[in-house]
Structure formats: structure tokens, C-alpha cells
Amino acid sequence: MSIYQEIILEHYKNPHNFGTIKNPSKRSSIFNPLCGDKIELEAIFKKGKVEKIKFRAQGCAISQASASILTDHVLGRIKEDLKKLDKDFMIKLLGIELGPNRIKCALLPLEALHKLIT
């Protein structure tokens, strides 16, 4: 097993930033009807920066680990920078090769993030 696969499993078993925020600035939710994965994000923004972010997820290890890793990355960043994050960024952030069936799982948290910051 590669180090990246181990990181994915660790984030799945012990997700970072999992839970809810009391009185978030904004919420978003994304559901993939093809596989049943669901990601919900909540954040508090101060001066255009992500001060706090939490997620809840139902679904596969890839979508949940991706949400955990992404929320770690976005803390303290400004919305304008987050709007630039794309598919290539997420694949690089995860560090694993994904087949066509799993790419949507990995990108679901990014889609929720883009919805959150618009």
C-alpha cells in the first residue's frame, strides 16, 4: 500500500474537521445520486477568509477522505483563491490515481466548496 493510500484511509477513519458549526456563515450540500455519496459543508468566514470549516459526509472512503483533506487545506484561505481550485488540484492533493468511477467521489467535496463560496 502506498503512503497516499494510507493517508486516504487515515482521513477516512479519523476525519479532520468533521461535525457541525453553530451559526455558520454559510452552508452547502451536494448529493451524487449515482452512488449515494453526500457532502455537507459549513463555514465561518471572517474578512473573506475561512476561519472555520466542518463537514458531514455519507458515502465511500474516497469522498469522505477527500472532504477531510480539502477542509484542512482551505482553513485560513481567502475565497478568491478557493474559487481557482479545480479537478487537477484535487487529484494532486489526494495523490492517488483514480478511475473514472471514483473521480466524481473525489470531486464531490470540491463541488460543495465551490457552492459554499459563491
Protein backbone atom coordinates (compact mmCIF):
# COMPACT_ATOMS: atom_id res chain seq x y z
CA MET A 1 0.00 0.00 0.00
CA SER A 2 1.38 3.42 -0.93
CA ILE A 3 1.76 6.29 1.52
CA TYR A 4 -1.04 8.13 -0.27
CA GLN A 5 -3.41 5.20 0.11
CA GLU A 6 -2.53 5.11 3.80
CA ILE A 7 -3.29 8.83 4.08
CA ILE A 8 -6.69 8.31 2.42
CA LEU A 9 -7.54 5.50 4.83
CA GLU A 10 -6.38 7.55 7.83
CA HIS A 11 -8.57 10.52 6.82
CA TYR A 12 -11.50 8.16 6.27
CA LYS A 13 -11.12 6.50 9.67
CA ASN A 14 -10.25 9.71 11.56
CA PRO A 15 -11.60 12.63 9.52
CA HIS A 16 -10.40 16.14 10.27
CA ASN A 17 -12.95 18.94 10.61
CA PHE A 18 -15.88 16.53 10.88
CA GLY A 19 -19.02 17.84 12.54
CA THR A 20 -21.15 20.95 12.60
CA ILE A 21 -20.67 24.64 13.33
CA LYS A 22 -23.04 26.63 15.48
CA ASN A 23 -24.25 29.62 13.46
CA PRO A 24 -22.16 29.13 10.30
CA SER A 25 -21.79 31.99 7.82
CA LYS A 26 -22.78 29.63 5.02
CA ARG A 27 -23.77 26.01 4.29
CA SER A 28 -23.76 23.86 1.19
CA SER A 29 -24.79 20.32 0.38
CA ILE A 30 -24.03 18.12 -2.62
CA PHE A 31 -25.53 14.72 -3.37
CA ASN A 32 -24.42 12.26 -6.04
CA PRO A 33 -27.50 10.19 -6.93
CA LEU A 34 -25.40 7.71 -8.92
CA CYS A 35 -23.51 6.41 -5.89
CA GLY A 36 -25.38 7.91 -2.94
CA ASP A 37 -22.48 9.99 -1.62
CA LYS A 38 -23.44 13.19 0.17
CA ILE A 39 -21.21 16.01 1.43
CA GLU A 40 -22.39 18.88 3.61
CA LEU A 41 -20.07 21.81 4.36
CA GLU A 42 -20.46 24.62 6.89
CA ALA A 43 -18.06 27.51 7.31
CA ILE A 44 -17.46 30.73 9.15
CA PHE A 45 -15.88 33.47 7.08
CA LYS A 46 -14.11 36.50 8.54
CA LYS A 47 -12.76 39.20 6.24
CA GLY A 48 -13.16 36.88 3.25
CA LYS A 49 -11.13 34.07 4.84
CA VAL A 50 -12.23 30.66 6.00
CA GLU A 51 -11.95 30.92 9.76
CA LYS A 52 -13.60 27.59 10.49
CA ILE A 53 -14.96 24.79 8.30
CA LYS A 54 -16.65 21.50 9.10
CA PHE A 55 -18.16 18.73 7.01
CA ARG A 56 -20.52 15.83 7.36
CA ALA A 57 -20.45 13.03 4.83
CA GLN A 58 -22.12 9.81 3.86
CA GLY A 59 -20.53 7.63 1.26
CA CYS A 60 -17.34 5.97 0.22
CA ALA A 61 -13.88 6.32 1.71
CA ILE A 62 -12.68 8.48 -1.20
CA SER A 63 -15.39 11.13 -0.85
CA GLN A 64 -15.05 11.33 2.93
CA ALA A 65 -11.25 11.39 2.92
CA SER A 66 -11.31 13.98 0.14
CA ALA A 67 -13.57 16.20 2.27
CA SER A 68 -11.26 15.84 5.26
CA ILE A 69 -8.13 16.66 3.25
CA LEU A 70 -9.81 19.57 1.44
CA THR A 71 -11.12 21.16 4.63
CA ASP A 72 -7.61 21.01 6.10
CA HIS A 73 -6.30 22.79 3.01
CA VAL A 74 -8.86 25.61 2.90
CA LEU A 75 -8.57 26.79 6.51
CA GLY A 76 -7.27 30.36 6.61
CA ARG A 77 -7.50 30.86 2.85
CA ILE A 78 -9.42 33.61 1.07
CA LYS A 79 -12.48 32.91 -1.05
CA GLU A 80 -10.88 34.25 -4.23
CA ASP A 81 -8.08 31.68 -4.02
CA LEU A 82 -10.57 28.89 -3.33
CA LYS A 83 -12.51 29.70 -6.49
CA LYS A 84 -9.41 28.73 -8.51
CA LEU A 85 -9.26 25.18 -7.13
CA ASP A 86 -10.10 22.63 -9.82
CA LYS A 87 -10.11 18.94 -10.69
CA ASP A 88 -6.34 18.83 -11.25
CA PHE A 89 -5.76 20.43 -7.86
CA MET A 90 -7.91 17.82 -6.09
CA ILE A 91 -6.21 14.91 -7.82
CA LYS A 92 -2.82 16.30 -6.88
CA LEU A 93 -3.97 16.97 -3.30
CA LEU A 94 -5.13 13.37 -2.91
CA GLY A 95 -2.01 11.93 -4.50
CA ILE A 96 -3.61 8.77 -5.84
CA GLU A 97 -4.72 7.62 -9.26
CA LEU A 98 -8.47 7.44 -9.60
CA GLY A 99 -10.52 5.60 -12.16
CA PRO A 100 -13.47 7.25 -13.88
CA ASN A 101 -15.90 5.79 -11.35
CA ARG A 102 -14.04 7.27 -8.39
CA ILE A 103 -13.18 10.71 -9.75
CA LYS A 104 -16.69 12.01 -9.04
CA CYS A 105 -16.35 10.81 -5.45
CA ALA A 106 -13.10 12.72 -5.03
CA LEU A 107 -14.52 15.87 -6.60
CA LEU A 108 -17.76 15.99 -4.62
CA PRO A 109 -16.24 17.97 -1.71
CA LEU A 110 -14.73 20.47 -4.17
CA GLU A 111 -18.14 20.92 -5.76
CA ALA A 112 -19.62 21.55 -2.31
CA LEU A 113 -16.85 24.05 -1.58
CA HIS A 114 -17.50 25.99 -4.80
CA LYS A 115 -21.19 26.10 -3.93
CA LEU A 116 -20.29 27.31 -0.43
CA ILE A 117 -18.16 30.24 -1.58
CA THR A 118 -20.45 31.59 -4.30
